[in-house]
């Protein structure tokens, strides 16, 4: 029974790790992040700030879940 929960935690941890990598790479850096993908359309849309805020929130949630799963896996292994 314990190995089922451990496998579920592994699965969640792997999904969160991949998600964190993707969402961090989408953030605006020097190149502009998501807004850099649509460089010609940045001036026409003012809603890019909302997208960046939501991206920040999603990244924070993924970071918290990553920390929790890391601690749980550390305790049970």
C-alpha atoms as a PDB file:
ATOM      1  CA  UNK A   1       0.000   0.000   0.000  1.00  0.00           C
ATOM      2  CA  UNK A   2       2.839   2.400   0.801  1.00  0.00           C
ATOM      3  CA  UNK A   3       4.470   1.974  -2.581  1.00  0.00           C
ATOM      4  CA  UNK A   4       1.286   3.086  -4.350  1.00  0.00           C
ATOM      5  CA  UNK A   5       1.347   6.438  -2.531  1.00  0.00           C
ATOM      6  CA  UNK A   6       5.069   6.738  -3.149  1.00  0.00           C
ATOM      7  CA  UNK A   7       4.560   6.154  -6.878  1.00  0.00           C
ATOM      8  CA  UNK A   8       1.792   8.768  -6.910  1.00  0.00           C
ATOM      9  CA  UNK A   9       4.151  11.238  -5.199  1.00  0.00           C
ATOM     10  CA  UNK A  10       6.866  10.446  -7.750  1.00  0.00           C
ATOM     11  CA  UNK A  11       4.415  11.096 -10.575  1.00  0.00           C
ATOM     12  CA  UNK A  12       3.254  14.406  -9.100  1.00  0.00           C
ATOM     13  CA  UNK A  13       6.851  15.429  -8.464  1.00  0.00           C
ATOM     14  CA  UNK A  14       7.941  14.680 -12.041  1.00  0.00           C
ATOM     15  CA  UNK A  15       4.961  16.549 -13.527  1.00  0.00           C
ATOM     16  CA  UNK A  16       5.629  19.546 -11.281  1.00  0.00           C
ATOM     17  CA  UNK A  17       9.345  19.523 -12.189  1.00  0.00           C
ATOM     18  CA  UNK A  18       8.580  19.604 -15.907  1.00  0.00           C
ATOM     19  CA  UNK A  19       5.925  22.280 -15.372  1.00  0.00           C
ATOM     20  CA  UNK A  20       8.323  24.447 -13.363  1.00  0.00           C
ATOM     21  CA  UNK A  21      10.930  24.238 -16.111  1.00  0.00           C
ATOM     22  CA  UNK A  22       8.387  25.242 -18.758  1.00  0.00           C
ATOM     23  CA  UNK A  23       6.856  28.092 -16.778  1.00  0.00           C
ATOM     24  CA  UNK A  24      10.225  29.516 -15.747  1.00  0.00           C
ATOM     25  CA  UNK A  25      11.346  29.495 -19.373  1.00  0.00           C
ATOM     26  CA  UNK A  26       8.177  31.372 -20.354  1.00  0.00           C
ATOM     27  CA  UNK A  27       8.940  34.259 -17.974  1.00  0.00           C
ATOM     28  CA  UNK A  28      10.099  37.596 -19.283  1.00  0.00           C
ATOM     29  CA  UNK A  29      13.815  38.003 -19.156  1.00  0.00           C
ATOM     30  CA  UNK A  30      15.972  40.161 -21.338  1.00  0.00           C
ATOM     31  CA  UNK A  31      14.295  38.702 -24.409  1.00  0.00           C
ATOM     32  CA  UNK A  32      10.799  39.530 -23.224  1.00  0.00           C
ATOM     33  CA  UNK A  33       9.430  36.081 -22.348  1.00  0.00           C
ATOM     34  CA  UNK A  34       5.955  35.467 -23.695  1.00  0.00           C
ATOM     35  CA  UNK A  35       5.752  38.980 -25.101  1.00  0.00           C
ATOM     36  CA  UNK A  36       8.987  38.327 -26.992  1.00  0.00           C
ATOM     37  CA  UNK A  37       7.289  35.549 -28.919  1.00  0.00           C
ATOM     38  CA  UNK A  38       4.876  38.030 -30.461  1.00  0.00           C
ATOM     39  CA  UNK A  39       7.282  40.914 -30.921  1.00  0.00           C
ATOM     40  CA  UNK A  40       5.231  42.644 -33.608  1.00  0.00           C
ATOM     41  CA  UNK A  41       1.985  42.302 -31.684  1.00  0.00           C
ATOM     42  CA  UNK A  42       3.183  43.641 -28.333  1.00  0.00           C
ATOM     43  CA  UNK A  43       2.136  47.193 -29.101  1.00  0.00           C
ATOM     44  CA  UNK A  44      -1.379  46.190 -30.099  1.00  0.00           C
ATOM     45  CA  UNK A  45      -2.221  44.211 -26.951  1.00  0.00           C
ATOM     46  CA  UNK A  46      -2.149  45.803 -23.537  1.00  0.00           C
ATOM     47  CA  UNK A  47      -3.148  42.575 -21.742  1.00  0.00           C
ATOM     48  CA  UNK A  48       0.352  41.125 -21.614  1.00  0.00           C
ATOM     49  CA  UNK A  49       0.671  42.308 -18.010  1.00  0.00           C
ATOM     50  CA  UNK A  50      -2.247  40.094 -17.035  1.00  0.00           C
ATOM     51  CA  UNK A  51      -0.614  37.117 -18.722  1.00  0.00           C
ATOM     52  CA  UNK A  52       2.648  37.771 -16.886  1.00  0.00           C
ATOM     53  CA  UNK A  53       0.813  38.074 -13.536  1.00  0.00           C
ATOM     54  CA  UNK A  54      -0.986  34.785 -14.078  1.00  0.00           C
ATOM     55  CA  UNK A  55       2.279  33.176 -15.148  1.00  0.00           C
ATOM     56  CA  UNK A  56       3.839  34.400 -11.902  1.00  0.00           C
ATOM     57  CA  UNK A  57       0.989  32.914  -9.874  1.00  0.00           C
ATOM     58  CA  UNK A  58       1.167  29.556 -11.645  1.00  0.00           C
ATOM     59  CA  UNK A  59       4.945  29.433 -11.156  1.00  0.00           C
ATOM     60  CA  UNK A  60       4.563  30.181  -7.438  1.00  0.00           C
ATOM     61  CA  UNK A  61       1.974  27.414  -7.044  1.00  0.00           C
ATOM     62  CA  UNK A  62       4.221  24.964  -8.888  1.00  0.00           C
ATOM     63  CA  UNK A  63       7.139  26.022  -6.651  1.00  0.00           C
ATOM     64  CA  UNK A  64       5.126  25.408  -3.482  1.00  0.00           C
ATOM     65  CA  UNK A  65       3.931  22.005  -4.712  1.00  0.00           C
ATOM     66  CA  UNK A  66       7.519  21.172  -5.706  1.00  0.00           C
ATOM     67  CA  UNK A  67       8.773  22.050  -2.213  1.00  0.00           C
ATOM     68  CA  UNK A  68       6.044  19.997  -0.533  1.00  0.00           C
ATOM     69  CA  UNK A  69       6.608  16.932  -2.701  1.00  0.00           C
ATOM     70  CA  UNK A  70      10.368  17.212  -2.176  1.00  0.00           C
ATOM     71  CA  UNK A  71       9.951  17.278   1.605  1.00  0.00           C
ATOM     72  CA  UNK A  72       7.437  14.398   1.574  1.00  0.00           C
ATOM     73  CA  UNK A  73       9.707  12.272  -0.602  1.00  0.00           C
ATOM     74  CA  UNK A  74      12.655  13.088   1.663  1.00  0.00           C
ATOM     75  CA  UNK A  75      10.725  12.018   4.750  1.00  0.00           C
ATOM     76  CA  UNK A  76       9.375   8.770   3.320  1.00  0.00           C
ATOM     77  CA  UNK A  77      12.537   7.626   1.568  1.00  0.00           C
END
